[in-house]
Amino acid sequence: MATINQFEDLEIWQLAREICNDVYKLIETTELDKNYALRNQMDRCSGSIMDNIAEGFERNGNREFIQFLSISKVSCGELRSQLYRILDRKFIDDDTFKKLRDKVLMESKKISSFISYLSKSDFKGSKYKGR
């Protein structure tokens, strides 16, 4: 695995950013912009995916990073559920739903794999050096 120096280098953060932008485009281009509560919930939870990856990375410890990655994964599940809600309410078509759902599922799987990798890693983070 290549050395990662900042959270922006993480593939899972890059994909989370893409998902967040996809959600914003949905808000801007569909009737979803008129449903204040649902659009804000979707905007917040899609942002939570990328923000928790960044925050966990900056903690400089695997245990805390894993905890924040778990929150990101939960936000993926929440966003998938919200996608079903907007599909059922006819804000998006089946094709748009499937593309974004599949992207969010892929993100969730990548986060799970990264959690597994970190859990098995001997590296515990720079905050634990010398302990």
N, C-alpha and C. Protein backbone atom coordinates (compact mmCIF):
# COMPACT_ATOMS: atom_id res chain seq x y z
N MET A 1 0.85 -1.18 0.00
CA MET A 1 0.00 0.00 0.00
C MET A 1 0.89 1.24 0.00
N ALA A 2 0.56 2.21 -0.80
CA ALA A 2 1.33 3.46 -0.88
C ALA A 2 1.17 4.25 0.41
N THR A 3 2.16 5.07 0.68
CA THR A 3 2.09 5.93 1.85
C THR A 3 1.05 7.01 1.63
N ILE A 4 0.20 7.17 2.60
CA ILE A 4 -0.85 8.18 2.56
C ILE A 4 -0.45 9.28 3.53
N ASN A 5 -0.31 10.48 3.02
CA ASN A 5 0.12 11.59 3.86
C ASN A 5 -1.02 12.51 4.28
N GLN A 6 -2.10 12.48 3.55
CA GLN A 6 -3.25 13.33 3.87
C GLN A 6 -4.53 12.60 3.45
N PHE A 7 -5.63 12.96 4.10
CA PHE A 7 -6.87 12.24 3.83
C PHE A 7 -7.31 12.35 2.39
N GLU A 8 -6.93 13.43 1.71
CA GLU A 8 -7.31 13.62 0.31
C GLU A 8 -6.72 12.54 -0.60
N ASP A 9 -5.67 11.86 -0.12
CA ASP A 9 -5.04 10.78 -0.89
C ASP A 9 -5.83 9.48 -0.82
N LEU A 10 -6.72 9.37 0.14
CA LEU A 10 -7.48 8.13 0.33
C LEU A 10 -8.55 7.96 -0.75
N GLU A 11 -8.54 6.80 -1.38
CA GLU A 11 -9.55 6.50 -2.41
C GLU A 11 -10.96 6.57 -1.83
N ILE A 12 -11.13 6.12 -0.58
CA ILE A 12 -12.47 6.16 0.02
C ILE A 12 -12.94 7.59 0.25
N TRP A 13 -12.03 8.50 0.53
CA TRP A 13 -12.43 9.90 0.69
C TRP A 13 -12.78 10.50 -0.66
N GLN A 14 -12.01 10.18 -1.69
CA GLN A 14 -12.27 10.70 -3.04
C GLN A 14 -13.64 10.23 -3.54
N LEU A 15 -13.96 8.96 -3.30
CA LEU A 15 -15.27 8.44 -3.72
C LEU A 15 -16.38 9.09 -2.89
N ALA A 16 -16.14 9.29 -1.62
CA ALA A 16 -17.14 9.96 -0.77
C ALA A 16 -17.41 11.38 -1.26
N ARG A 17 -16.38 12.06 -1.68
CA ARG A 17 -16.55 13.41 -2.23
C ARG A 17 -17.39 13.37 -3.50
N GLU A 18 -17.13 12.39 -4.34
CA GLU A 18 -17.91 12.22 -5.57
C GLU A 18 -19.38 11.97 -5.25
N ILE A 19 -19.65 11.11 -4.28
CA ILE A 19 -21.02 10.82 -3.86
C ILE A 19 -21.69 12.09 -3.33
N CYS A 20 -20.98 12.84 -2.54
CA CYS A 20 -21.52 14.08 -1.98
C CYS A 20 -21.90 15.05 -3.11
N ASN A 21 -21.05 15.14 -4.12
CA ASN A 21 -21.36 16.00 -5.26
C ASN A 21 -22.54 15.46 -6.06
N ASP A 22 -22.65 14.15 -6.18
CA ASP A 22 -23.80 13.55 -6.88
C ASP A 22 -25.11 13.89 -6.16
N VAL A 23 -25.09 13.82 -4.84
CA VAL A 23 -26.28 14.16 -4.06
C VAL A 23 -26.64 15.63 -4.26
N TYR A 24 -25.64 16.48 -4.24
CA TYR A 24 -25.90 17.91 -4.44
C TYR A 24 -26.52 18.16 -5.82
N LYS A 25 -26.02 17.47 -6.84
CA LYS A 25 -26.60 17.61 -8.19
C LYS A 25 -28.07 17.18 -8.20
N LEU A 26 -28.39 16.08 -7.46
CA LEU A 26 -29.79 15.66 -7.35
C LEU A 26 -30.65 16.75 -6.73
N ILE A 27 -30.13 17.34 -5.68
CA ILE A 27 -30.87 18.40 -4.99
C ILE A 27 -31.12 19.57 -5.93
N GLU A 28 -30.12 19.91 -6.71
CA GLU A 28 -30.21 21.07 -7.60
C GLU A 28 -31.06 20.83 -8.85
N THR A 29 -31.18 19.57 -9.27
CA THR A 29 -31.81 19.30 -10.58
C THR A 29 -33.14 18.56 -10.49
N THR A 30 -33.61 18.28 -9.29
CA THR A 30 -34.88 17.56 -9.15
C THR A 30 -35.82 18.34 -8.23
N GLU A 31 -37.00 17.80 -8.07
CA GLU A 31 -37.98 18.40 -7.16
C GLU A 31 -37.59 18.23 -5.69
N LEU A 32 -36.53 17.48 -5.46
CA LEU A 32 -36.03 17.27 -4.10
C LEU A 32 -35.71 18.59 -3.42
N ASP A 33 -35.36 19.60 -4.21
CA ASP A 33 -35.02 20.90 -3.63
C ASP A 33 -36.21 21.53 -2.89
N LYS A 34 -37.41 21.03 -3.15
CA LYS A 34 -38.60 21.56 -2.48
C LYS A 34 -38.94 20.82 -1.18
N ASN A 35 -38.31 19.68 -0.98
CA ASN A 35 -38.52 18.90 0.24
C ASN A 35 -37.36 19.21 1.19
N TYR A 36 -37.51 20.26 1.97
CA TYR A 36 -36.44 20.80 2.79
C TYR A 36 -35.84 19.76 3.73
N ALA A 37 -36.68 19.05 4.46
CA ALA A 37 -36.18 18.12 5.47
C ALA A 37 -35.37 16.98 4.83
N LEU A 38 -35.92 16.37 3.78
CA LEU A 38 -35.25 15.24 3.15
C LEU A 38 -33.97 15.69 2.44
N ARG A 39 -34.02 16.79 1.74
CA ARG A 39 -32.81 17.24 1.03
C ARG A 39 -31.70 17.58 2.02
N ASN A 40 -32.05 18.22 3.14
CA ASN A 40 -31.03 18.56 4.13
C ASN A 40 -30.45 17.30 4.78
N GLN A 41 -31.32 16.34 5.05
CA GLN A 41 -30.86 15.08 5.64
C GLN A 41 -29.89 14.38 4.67
N MET A 42 -30.22 14.35 3.40
CA MET A 42 -29.35 13.71 2.40
C MET A 42 -28.04 14.47 2.25
N ASP A 43 -28.12 15.79 2.26
CA ASP A 43 -26.91 16.60 2.14
C ASP A 43 -25.99 16.38 3.34
N ARG A 44 -26.58 16.36 4.53
CA ARG A 44 -25.79 16.16 5.75
C ARG A 44 -25.17 14.77 5.78
N CYS A 45 -25.94 13.75 5.45
CA CYS A 45 -25.39 12.40 5.58
C CYS A 45 -24.38 12.10 4.49
N SER A 46 -24.55 12.63 3.29
CA SER A 46 -23.52 12.42 2.26
C SER A 46 -22.23 13.15 2.65
N GLY A 47 -22.36 14.31 3.25
CA GLY A 47 -21.19 15.03 3.75
C GLY A 47 -20.54 14.30 4.91
N SER A 48 -21.35 13.64 5.71
CA SER A 48 -20.83 12.90 6.86
C SER A 48 -19.90 11.78 6.43
N ILE A 49 -20.16 11.19 5.30
CA ILE A 49 -19.30 10.10 4.82
C ILE A 49 -17.87 10.62 4.63
N MET A 50 -17.73 11.71 3.89
CA MET A 50 -16.39 12.22 3.62
C MET A 50 -15.79 12.92 4.84
N ASP A 51 -16.61 13.62 5.61
CA ASP A 51 -16.10 14.37 6.76
C ASP A 51 -15.57 13.45 7.86
N ASN A 52 -16.24 12.35 8.09
CA ASN A 52 -15.78 11.42 9.12
C ASN A 52 -14.51 10.68 8.70
N ILE A 53 -14.35 10.43 7.43
CA ILE A 53 -13.09 9.86 6.95
C ILE A 53 -11.95 10.85 7.23
N ALA A 54 -12.18 12.10 6.91
CA ALA A 54 -11.16 13.13 7.13
C ALA A 54 -10.86 13.29 8.62
N GLU A 55 -11.90 13.38 9.43
CA GLU A 55 -11.68 13.59 10.87
C GLU A 55 -10.95 12.40 11.49
N GLY A 56 -11.35 11.21 11.13
CA GLY A 56 -10.68 10.03 11.66
C GLY A 56 -9.22 9.96 11.26
N PHE A 57 -8.93 10.30 10.02
CA PHE A 57 -7.55 10.30 9.54
C PHE A 57 -6.70 11.27 10.37
N GLU A 58 -7.24 12.43 10.65
CA GLU A 58 -6.50 13.47 11.36
C GLU A 58 -6.28 13.14 12.83
N ARG A 59 -6.95 12.12 13.36
CA ARG A 59 -6.77 11.72 14.76
C ARG A 59 -5.44 11.03 14.99
N ASN A 60 -4.80 10.53 13.94
CA ASN A 60 -3.48 9.90 14.01
C ASN A 60 -3.44 8.65 14.87
N GLY A 61 -4.52 7.93 14.93
CA GLY A 61 -4.54 6.66 15.66
C GLY A 61 -5.53 5.72 15.01
N ASN A 62 -5.12 4.45 14.86
CA ASN A 62 -5.98 3.48 14.18
C ASN A 62 -7.32 3.27 14.87
N ARG A 63 -7.31 3.16 16.20
CA ARG A 63 -8.58 2.89 16.89
C ARG A 63 -9.59 4.00 16.64
N GLU A 64 -9.15 5.23 16.76
CA GLU A 64 -10.06 6.34 16.51
C GLU A 64 -10.44 6.42 15.03
N PHE A 65 -9.48 6.16 14.15
CA PHE A 65 -9.77 6.19 12.73
C PHE A 65 -10.84 5.16 12.39
N ILE A 66 -10.70 3.96 12.94
CA ILE A 66 -11.69 2.91 12.70
C ILE A 66 -13.07 3.34 13.20
N GLN A 67 -13.10 4.00 14.34
CA GLN A 67 -14.38 4.47 14.88
C GLN A 67 -15.04 5.47 13.91
N PHE A 68 -14.26 6.39 13.37
CA PHE A 68 -14.82 7.37 12.44
C PHE A 68 -15.18 6.73 11.10
N LEU A 69 -14.40 5.74 10.67
CA LEU A 69 -14.75 5.01 9.45
C LEU A 69 -16.07 4.27 9.64
N SER A 70 -16.30 3.76 10.83
CA SER A 70 -17.57 3.08 11.12
C SER A 70 -18.74 4.06 10.99
N ILE A 71 -18.55 5.27 11.44
CA ILE A 71 -19.59 6.29 11.31
C ILE A 71 -19.83 6.59 9.84
N SER A 72 -18.76 6.68 9.06
CA SER A 72 -18.90 6.89 7.61
C SER A 72 -19.70 5.77 6.96
N LYS A 73 -19.42 4.54 7.38
CA LYS A 73 -20.13 3.39 6.83
C LYS A 73 -21.62 3.44 7.19
N VAL A 74 -21.92 3.84 8.41
CA VAL A 74 -23.32 3.99 8.83
C VAL A 74 -24.01 5.06 7.97
N SER A 75 -23.30 6.14 7.68
CA SER A 75 -23.86 7.20 6.84
C SER A 75 -24.14 6.69 5.43
N CYS A 76 -23.33 5.75 4.95
CA CYS A 76 -23.61 5.13 3.64
C CYS A 76 -24.96 4.41 3.68
N GLY A 77 -25.20 3.66 4.76
CA GLY A 77 -26.47 2.96 4.90
C GLY A 77 -27.64 3.93 4.98
N GLU A 78 -27.45 5.00 5.72
CA GLU A 78 -28.51 6.01 5.83
C GLU A 78 -28.80 6.64 4.46
N LEU A 79 -27.77 6.94 3.71
CA LEU A 79 -27.96 7.54 2.39
C LEU A 79 -28.67 6.56 1.45
N ARG A 80 -28.30 5.28 1.51
CA ARG A 80 -28.99 4.30 0.67
C ARG A 80 -30.47 4.26 0.98
N SER A 81 -30.82 4.30 2.25
CA SER A 81 -32.23 4.30 2.64
C SER A 81 -32.94 5.54 2.09
N GLN A 82 -32.27 6.66 2.17
CA GLN A 82 -32.86 7.91 1.66
C GLN A 82 -33.03 7.86 0.15
N LEU A 83 -32.13 7.17 -0.54
CA LEU A 83 -32.28 7.01 -1.98
C LEU A 83 -33.56 6.24 -2.32
N TYR A 84 -33.88 5.23 -1.51
CA TYR A 84 -35.15 4.52 -1.72
C TYR A 84 -36.33 5.46 -1.51
N ARG A 85 -36.23 6.32 -0.52
CA ARG A 85 -37.32 7.27 -0.26
C ARG A 85 -37.55 8.20 -1.45
N ILE A 86 -36.45 8.71 -2.03
CA ILE A 86 -36.65 9.63 -3.15
C ILE A 86 -37.05 8.89 -4.43
N LEU A 87 -36.67 7.62 -4.55
CA LEU A 87 -37.15 6.81 -5.66
C LEU A 87 -38.65 6.59 -5.52
N ASP A 88 -39.09 6.19 -4.33
CA ASP A 88 -40.51 5.93 -4.10
C ASP A 88 -41.36 7.16 -4.28
N ARG A 89 -40.79 8.32 -4.03
CA ARG A 89 -41.53 9.58 -4.18
C ARG A 89 -41.38 10.18 -5.57
N LYS A 90 -40.73 9.43 -6.45
CA LYS A 90 -40.58 9.79 -7.86
C LYS A 90 -39.74 11.04 -8.10
N PHE A 91 -38.81 11.32 -7.19
CA PHE A 91 -37.86 12.42 -7.41
C PHE A 91 -36.78 12.03 -8.41
N ILE A 92 -36.49 10.71 -8.48
CA ILE A 92 -35.48 10.19 -9.41
C ILE A 92 -36.02 8.96 -10.12
N ASP A 93 -35.42 8.66 -11.27
CA ASP A 93 -35.82 7.46 -12.01
C ASP A 93 -34.98 6.26 -11.56
N ASP A 94 -35.38 5.08 -12.04
CA ASP A 94 -34.71 3.84 -11.64
C ASP A 94 -33.22 3.85 -11.97
N ASP A 95 -32.87 4.34 -13.14
CA ASP A 95 -31.48 4.33 -13.57
C ASP A 95 -30.61 5.22 -12.66
N THR A 96 -31.08 6.40 -12.37
CA THR A 96 -30.35 7.31 -11.48
C THR A 96 -30.20 6.68 -10.10
N PHE A 97 -31.29 6.09 -9.62
CA PHE A 97 -31.27 5.41 -8.32
C PHE A 97 -30.22 4.32 -8.29
N LYS A 98 -30.24 3.44 -9.29
CA LYS A 98 -29.33 2.30 -9.32
C LYS A 98 -27.87 2.74 -9.38
N LYS A 99 -27.58 3.74 -10.18
CA LYS A 99 -26.20 4.21 -10.31
C LYS A 99 -25.68 4.76 -8.99
N LEU A 100 -26.47 5.58 -8.33
CA LEU A 100 -26.01 6.16 -7.07
C LEU A 100 -26.02 5.14 -5.94
N ARG A 101 -27.03 4.28 -5.91
CA ARG A 101 -27.06 3.22 -4.90
C ARG A 101 -25.84 2.31 -5.02
N ASP A 102 -25.50 1.93 -6.25
CA ASP A 102 -24.34 1.07 -6.47
C ASP A 102 -23.05 1.76 -6.04
N LYS A 103 -22.95 3.04 -6.29
CA LYS A 103 -21.76 3.80 -5.90
C LYS A 103 -21.65 3.84 -4.37
N VAL A 104 -22.78 4.05 -3.70
CA VAL A 104 -22.78 4.10 -2.23
C VAL A 104 -22.47 2.71 -1.65
N LEU A 105 -23.01 1.66 -2.26
CA LEU A 105 -22.69 0.30 -1.83
C LEU A 105 -21.20 0.00 -1.98
N MET A 106 -20.63 0.42 -3.10
CA MET A 106 -19.21 0.22 -3.32
C MET A 106 -18.40 0.97 -2.26
N GLU A 107 -18.80 2.18 -1.94
CA GLU A 107 -18.12 2.95 -0.91
C GLU A 107 -18.18 2.23 0.43
N SER A 108 -19.34 1.73 0.78
CA SER A 108 -19.51 1.00 2.03
C SER A 108 -18.58 -0.22 2.10
N LYS A 109 -18.48 -0.95 1.00
CA LYS A 109 -17.60 -2.12 0.95
C LYS A 109 -16.13 -1.72 1.05
N LYS A 110 -15.76 -0.63 0.41
CA LYS A 110 -14.37 -0.15 0.47
C LYS A 110 -14.03 0.29 1.90
N ILE A 111 -14.96 0.95 2.55
CA ILE A 111 -14.73 1.36 3.94
C ILE A 111 -14.57 0.12 4.82
N SER A 112 -15.42 -0.88 4.63
CA SER A 112 -15.31 -2.14 5.40
C SER A 112 -13.95 -2.79 5.20
N SER A 113 -13.51 -2.83 3.96
CA SER A 113 -12.20 -3.43 3.67
C SER A 113 -11.08 -2.65 4.33
N PHE A 114 -11.19 -1.33 4.32
CA PHE A 114 -10.16 -0.50 4.94
C PHE A 114 -10.16 -0.67 6.46
N ILE A 115 -11.35 -0.78 7.04
CA ILE A 115 -11.45 -1.05 8.49
C ILE A 115 -10.76 -2.37 8.81
N SER A 116 -11.01 -3.38 7.99
CA SER A 116 -10.40 -4.69 8.20
C SER A 116 -8.88 -4.60 8.10
N TYR A 117 -8.40 -3.88 7.10
CA TYR A 117 -6.95 -3.69 6.94
C TYR A 117 -6.35 -3.00 8.16
N LEU A 118 -6.97 -1.92 8.60
CA LEU A 118 -6.44 -1.18 9.76
C LEU A 118 -6.48 -2.02 11.03
N SER A 119 -7.51 -2.85 11.17
CA SER A 119 -7.65 -3.69 12.35
C SER A 119 -6.52 -4.72 12.45
N LYS A 120 -6.02 -5.14 11.32
CA LYS A 120 -4.96 -6.15 11.28
C LYS A 120 -3.56 -5.54 11.24
N SER A 121 -3.48 -4.25 11.03
CA SER A 121 -2.19 -3.58 10.87
C SER A 121 -1.47 -3.42 12.21
N ASP A 122 -0.16 -3.57 12.15
CA ASP A 122 0.66 -3.32 13.34
C ASP A 122 0.83 -1.83 13.60
N PHE A 123 0.66 -1.03 12.57
CA PHE A 123 0.79 0.42 12.73
C PHE A 123 -0.41 0.95 13.52
N LYS A 124 -0.13 1.63 14.59
CA LYS A 124 -1.21 2.11 15.45
C LYS A 124 -1.42 3.62 15.36
N GLY A 125 -0.57 4.31 14.60
CA GLY A 125 -0.72 5.73 14.43
C GLY A 125 0.41 6.50 15.08
N SER A 126 0.66 7.70 14.57
CA SER A 126 1.80 8.48 15.05
C SER A 126 1.65 8.92 16.49
N LYS A 127 0.44 9.02 16.99
CA LYS A 127 0.25 9.44 18.37
C LYS A 127 0.72 8.39 19.37
N TYR A 128 0.92 7.14 18.88
CA TYR A 128 1.34 6.06 19.78
C TYR A 128 2.82 5.71 19.63
N LYS A 129 3.56 6.49 18.83
CA LYS A 129 4.98 6.23 18.66
C LYS A 129 5.69 6.40 20.01
N GLY A 130 6.58 5.47 20.28
CA GLY A 130 7.36 5.55 21.51
C GLY A 130 6.67 4.93 22.71
N ARG A 131 5.46 4.39 22.50
CA ARG A 131 4.75 3.73 23.61
C ARG A 131 5.04 2.27 23.62
